C-alpha atoms as a PDB file:
ATOM      1  CA  GLU A   1     -30.405  64.197 -51.951  1.00  0.00           C
ATOM      2  CA  VAL A   2     -31.749  60.835 -50.564  1.00  0.00           C
ATOM      3  CA  GLN A   3     -29.652  57.917 -51.287  1.00  0.00           C
ATOM      4  CA  LEU A   4     -30.282  54.120 -50.649  1.00  0.00           C
ATOM      5  CA  GLN A   5     -27.145  51.926 -50.445  1.00  0.00           C
ATOM      6  CA  ALA A   6     -27.777  48.242 -50.360  1.00  0.00           C
ATOM      7  CA  SER A   7     -25.277  45.515 -49.379  1.00  0.00           C
ATOM      8  CA  GLY A   8     -25.047  41.944 -48.139  1.00  0.00           C
ATOM      9  CA  GLY A   9     -25.964  39.987 -51.254  1.00  0.00           C
ATOM     10  CA  GLY A  10     -23.971  37.045 -52.207  1.00  0.00           C
ATOM     11  CA  LEU A  11     -23.840  33.335 -53.148  1.00  0.00           C
ATOM     12  CA  VAL A  12     -25.639  31.128 -50.518  1.00  0.00           C
ATOM     13  CA  GLU A  13     -26.788  27.273 -50.529  1.00  0.00           C
ATOM     14  CA  PRO A  14     -30.123  26.309 -50.299  1.00  0.00           C
ATOM     15  CA  GLY A  15     -31.545  26.649 -46.608  1.00  0.00           C
ATOM     16  CA  GLY A  16     -28.924  28.940 -45.734  1.00  0.00           C
ATOM     17  CA  SER A  17     -29.394  32.807 -44.560  1.00  0.00           C
ATOM     18  CA  LEU A  18     -28.230  36.288 -45.346  1.00  0.00           C
ATOM     19  CA  ARG A  19     -28.969  39.601 -44.127  1.00  0.00           C
ATOM     20  CA  LEU A  20     -29.236  42.609 -46.520  1.00  0.00           C
ATOM     21  CA  SER A  21     -28.628  45.995 -45.339  1.00  0.00           C
ATOM     22  CA  CYS A  22     -29.774  49.389 -46.746  1.00  0.00           C
ATOM     23  CA  VAL A  23     -28.308  52.337 -45.408  1.00  0.00           C
ATOM     24  CA  VAL A  24     -30.564  55.538 -46.066  1.00  0.00           C
ATOM     25  CA  SER A  25     -29.361  59.328 -46.056  1.00  0.00           C
ATOM     26  CA  GLY A  26     -31.241  62.224 -46.914  1.00  0.00           C
ATOM     27  CA  LEU A  27     -34.340  61.562 -44.950  1.00  0.00           C
ATOM     28  CA  THR A  28     -35.391  59.915 -41.604  1.00  0.00           C
ATOM     29  CA  ILE A  29     -36.559  56.446 -42.140  1.00  0.00           C
ATOM     30  CA  ASP A  30     -39.053  56.462 -39.309  1.00  0.00           C
ATOM     31  CA  ASP A  31     -41.265  58.671 -41.260  1.00  0.00           C
ATOM     32  CA  TYR A  32     -41.713  56.567 -44.355  1.00  0.00           C
ATOM     33  CA  ALA A  33     -42.747  53.125 -45.759  1.00  0.00           C
ATOM     34  CA  LEU A  34     -39.970  50.887 -46.049  1.00  0.00           C
ATOM     35  CA  GLY A  35     -39.579  47.698 -48.232  1.00  0.00           C
ATOM     36  CA  TRP A  36     -37.758  45.484 -50.400  1.00  0.00           C
ATOM     37  CA  PHE A  37     -38.348  44.300 -53.901  1.00  0.00           C
ATOM     38  CA  ARG A  38     -36.562  41.783 -55.997  1.00  0.00           C
ATOM     39  CA  GLN A  39     -36.255  40.997 -59.562  1.00  0.00           C
ATOM     40  CA  ALA A  40     -35.084  37.515 -61.281  1.00  0.00           C
ATOM     41  CA  PRO A  41     -33.681  37.053 -64.518  1.00  0.00           C
ATOM     42  CA  GLY A  42     -36.429  37.470 -67.197  1.00  0.00           C
ATOM     43  CA  LYS A  43     -39.130  38.363 -64.606  1.00  0.00           C
ATOM     44  CA  LYS A  44     -40.767  41.524 -63.523  1.00  0.00           C
ATOM     45  CA  ARG A  45     -39.765  43.473 -60.483  1.00  0.00           C
ATOM     46  CA  GLN A  46     -41.838  41.963 -57.534  1.00  0.00           C
ATOM     47  CA  GLY A  47     -42.508  43.308 -54.070  1.00  0.00           C
ATOM     48  CA  VAL A  48     -41.179  40.940 -51.559  1.00  0.00           C
ATOM     49  CA  LEU A  49     -42.338  42.753 -48.227  1.00  0.00           C
ATOM     50  CA  SER A  50     -43.023  46.410 -46.800  1.00  0.00           C
ATOM     51  CA  ARG A  51     -43.622  47.960 -43.627  1.00  0.00           C
ATOM     52  CA  SER A  52     -45.780  51.054 -42.847  1.00  0.00           C
ATOM     53  CA  ASP A  53     -48.008  52.544 -40.368  1.00  0.00           C
ATOM     54  CA  GLY A  54     -47.519  49.360 -37.769  1.00  0.00           C
ATOM     55  CA  SER A  55     -48.276  46.812 -40.569  1.00  0.00           C
ATOM     56  CA  THR A  56     -46.077  44.436 -42.278  1.00  0.00           C
ATOM     57  CA  TYR A  57     -47.136  43.279 -45.645  1.00  0.00           C
ATOM     58  CA  TYR A  58     -45.544  40.088 -47.167  1.00  0.00           C
ATOM     59  CA  ILE A  59     -45.963  37.807 -50.374  1.00  0.00           C
ATOM     60  CA  ASP A  60     -46.930  34.458 -49.575  1.00  0.00           C
ATOM     61  CA  SER A  61     -43.569  32.657 -50.532  1.00  0.00           C
ATOM     62  CA  VAL A  62     -41.440  34.610 -47.988  1.00  0.00           C
ATOM     63  CA  LEU A  63     -44.112  34.445 -45.064  1.00  0.00           C
ATOM     64  CA  ASN A  64     -41.990  32.790 -41.950  1.00  0.00           C
ATOM     65  CA  ARG A  65     -38.571  33.114 -43.702  1.00  0.00           C
ATOM     66  CA  PHE A  66     -38.025  36.875 -44.562  1.00  0.00           C
ATOM     67  CA  THR A  67     -38.232  39.593 -41.856  1.00  0.00           C
ATOM     68  CA  ILE A  68     -37.910  43.490 -42.348  1.00  0.00           C
ATOM     69  CA  SER A  69     -36.342  45.354 -39.640  1.00  0.00           C
ATOM     70  CA  SER A  70     -34.763  49.010 -39.270  1.00  0.00           C
ATOM     71  CA  ASP A  71     -32.407  50.409 -36.975  1.00  0.00           C
ATOM     72  CA  ASN A  72     -33.593  54.195 -36.768  1.00  0.00           C
ATOM     73  CA  ALA A  73     -30.183  55.364 -35.101  1.00  0.00           C
ATOM     74  CA  LYS A  74     -28.291  54.112 -38.137  1.00  0.00           C
ATOM     75  CA  ASN A  75     -31.013  54.949 -40.579  1.00  0.00           C
ATOM     76  CA  THR A  76     -30.761  51.266 -41.944  1.00  0.00           C
ATOM     77  CA  VAL A  77     -33.186  48.862 -43.342  1.00  0.00           C
ATOM     78  CA  TYR A  78     -32.483  45.274 -42.869  1.00  0.00           C
ATOM     79  CA  LEU A  79     -33.794  42.168 -44.587  1.00  0.00           C
ATOM     80  CA  GLN A  80     -33.307  38.722 -42.850  1.00  0.00           C
ATOM     81  CA  MET A  81     -33.518  35.952 -45.078  1.00  0.00           C
ATOM     82  CA  ASN A  82     -33.750  32.340 -43.734  1.00  0.00           C
ATOM     83  CA  SER A  83     -34.215  29.114 -45.253  1.00  0.00           C
ATOM     84  CA  LEU A  84     -33.471  30.513 -48.587  1.00  0.00           C
ATOM     85  CA  LYS A  85     -34.593  28.640 -51.725  1.00  0.00           C
ATOM     86  CA  PRO A  86     -33.303  28.636 -55.393  1.00  0.00           C
ATOM     87  CA  GLU A  87     -36.282  30.648 -56.533  1.00  0.00           C
ATOM     88  CA  ASP A  88     -35.253  33.449 -54.337  1.00  0.00           C
ATOM     89  CA  THR A  89     -32.363  34.093 -56.459  1.00  0.00           C
ATOM     90  CA  ALA A  90     -32.842  37.617 -57.806  1.00  0.00           C
ATOM     91  CA  VAL A  91     -31.586  41.371 -57.384  1.00  0.00           C
ATOM     92  CA  TYR A  92     -32.917  42.842 -54.359  1.00  0.00           C
ATOM     93  CA  TYR A  93     -33.690  46.522 -53.932  1.00  0.00           C
ATOM     94  CA  CYS A  94     -34.550  48.409 -50.889  1.00  0.00           C
ATOM     95  CA  VAL A  95     -37.191  51.059 -51.244  1.00  0.00           C
ATOM     96  CA  VAL A  96     -38.603  54.025 -49.441  1.00  0.00           C
ATOM     97  CA  GLY A  97     -41.883  55.739 -49.882  1.00  0.00           C
ATOM     98  CA  LYS A  98     -44.776  57.717 -48.434  1.00  0.00           C
ATOM     99  CA  ARG A  99     -46.502  55.925 -45.733  1.00  0.00           C
ATOM    100  CA  PRO A 100     -50.383  55.368 -46.451  1.00  0.00           C
ATOM    101  CA  SER A 101     -51.101  58.048 -44.039  1.00  0.00           C
ATOM    102  CA  ALA A 102     -48.755  60.532 -45.209  1.00  0.00           C
ATOM    103  CA  PRO A 103     -50.841  63.853 -45.509  1.00  0.00           C
ATOM    104  CA  ASP A 104     -48.907  64.621 -48.814  1.00  0.00           C
ATOM    105  CA  ARG A 105     -49.914  61.401 -50.327  1.00  0.00           C
ATOM    106  CA  PRO A 106     -52.614  61.129 -52.816  1.00  0.00           C
ATOM    107  CA  ARG A 107     -56.011  59.592 -51.596  1.00  0.00           C
ATOM    108  CA  THR A 108     -55.801  56.700 -53.561  1.00  0.00           C
ATOM    109  CA  LEU A 109     -55.920  52.843 -52.441  1.00  0.00           C
ATOM    110  CA  TYR A 110     -52.411  51.831 -50.974  1.00  0.00           C
ATOM    111  CA  SER A 111     -50.933  49.127 -52.928  1.00  0.00           C
ATOM    112  CA  TRP A 112     -47.812  47.964 -50.897  1.00  0.00           C
ATOM    113  CA  SER A 113     -46.497  45.997 -53.818  1.00  0.00           C
ATOM    114  CA  ASN A 114     -46.870  48.539 -56.492  1.00  0.00           C
ATOM    115  CA  PRO A 115     -43.535  49.913 -57.332  1.00  0.00           C
ATOM    116  CA  LEU A 116     -45.164  53.277 -57.942  1.00  0.00           C
ATOM    117  CA  GLU A 117     -45.716  53.760 -54.238  1.00  0.00           C
ATOM    118  CA  TYR A 118     -41.949  54.088 -53.607  1.00  0.00           C
ATOM    119  CA  ASP A 119     -40.210  57.147 -54.508  1.00  0.00           C
ATOM    120  CA  TYR A 120     -36.759  56.053 -53.747  1.00  0.00           C
ATOM    121  CA  TRP A 121     -34.645  52.917 -54.936  1.00  0.00           C
ATOM    122  CA  GLY A 122     -31.373  51.393 -53.894  1.00  0.00           C
ATOM    123  CA  GLN A 123     -28.905  50.059 -56.476  1.00  0.00           C
ATOM    124  CA  GLY A 124     -29.872  46.610 -56.031  1.00  0.00           C
ATOM    125  CA  THR A 125     -27.793  43.949 -54.433  1.00  0.00           C
ATOM    126  CA  GLN A 126     -27.483  39.978 -56.016  1.00  0.00           C
ATOM    127  CA  VAL A 127     -28.835  37.167 -54.064  1.00  0.00           C
ATOM    128  CA  THR A 128     -27.908  33.775 -55.617  1.00  0.00           C
ATOM    129  CA  VAL A 129     -29.127  30.685 -54.059  1.00  0.00           C
ATOM    130  CA  SER A 130     -27.629  27.485 -55.382  1.00  0.00           C
ATOM    131  CA  SER A 131     -25.401  24.434 -54.466  1.00  0.00           C
END
């Protein structure tokens, strides 16, 4: 059984930093696409960034502020968030899915921000940016 356990959320002032962690069990993360989504109150779930096959994808609003990384030895994915803004307030979800080049992935156009590209989701961790 694949499980994703996210942690590290909390309350932070504008301009501050947080690092989210996502411990994955049941698969080897090095073989998969890794990413983070978020959902703010009253809004649709949004892809924030994703990494697969040597490429990293971001939404414009987090470029140069957020970074995704991973530790294969710990099977853990991280989201480093710097210069946080009130509009970053949301529940953040770690996600794991098939790489675009995976042989068992359907031959459709890869869309990293489409939630349907990801088979596994963490439970979410709340990030609140407020003074």
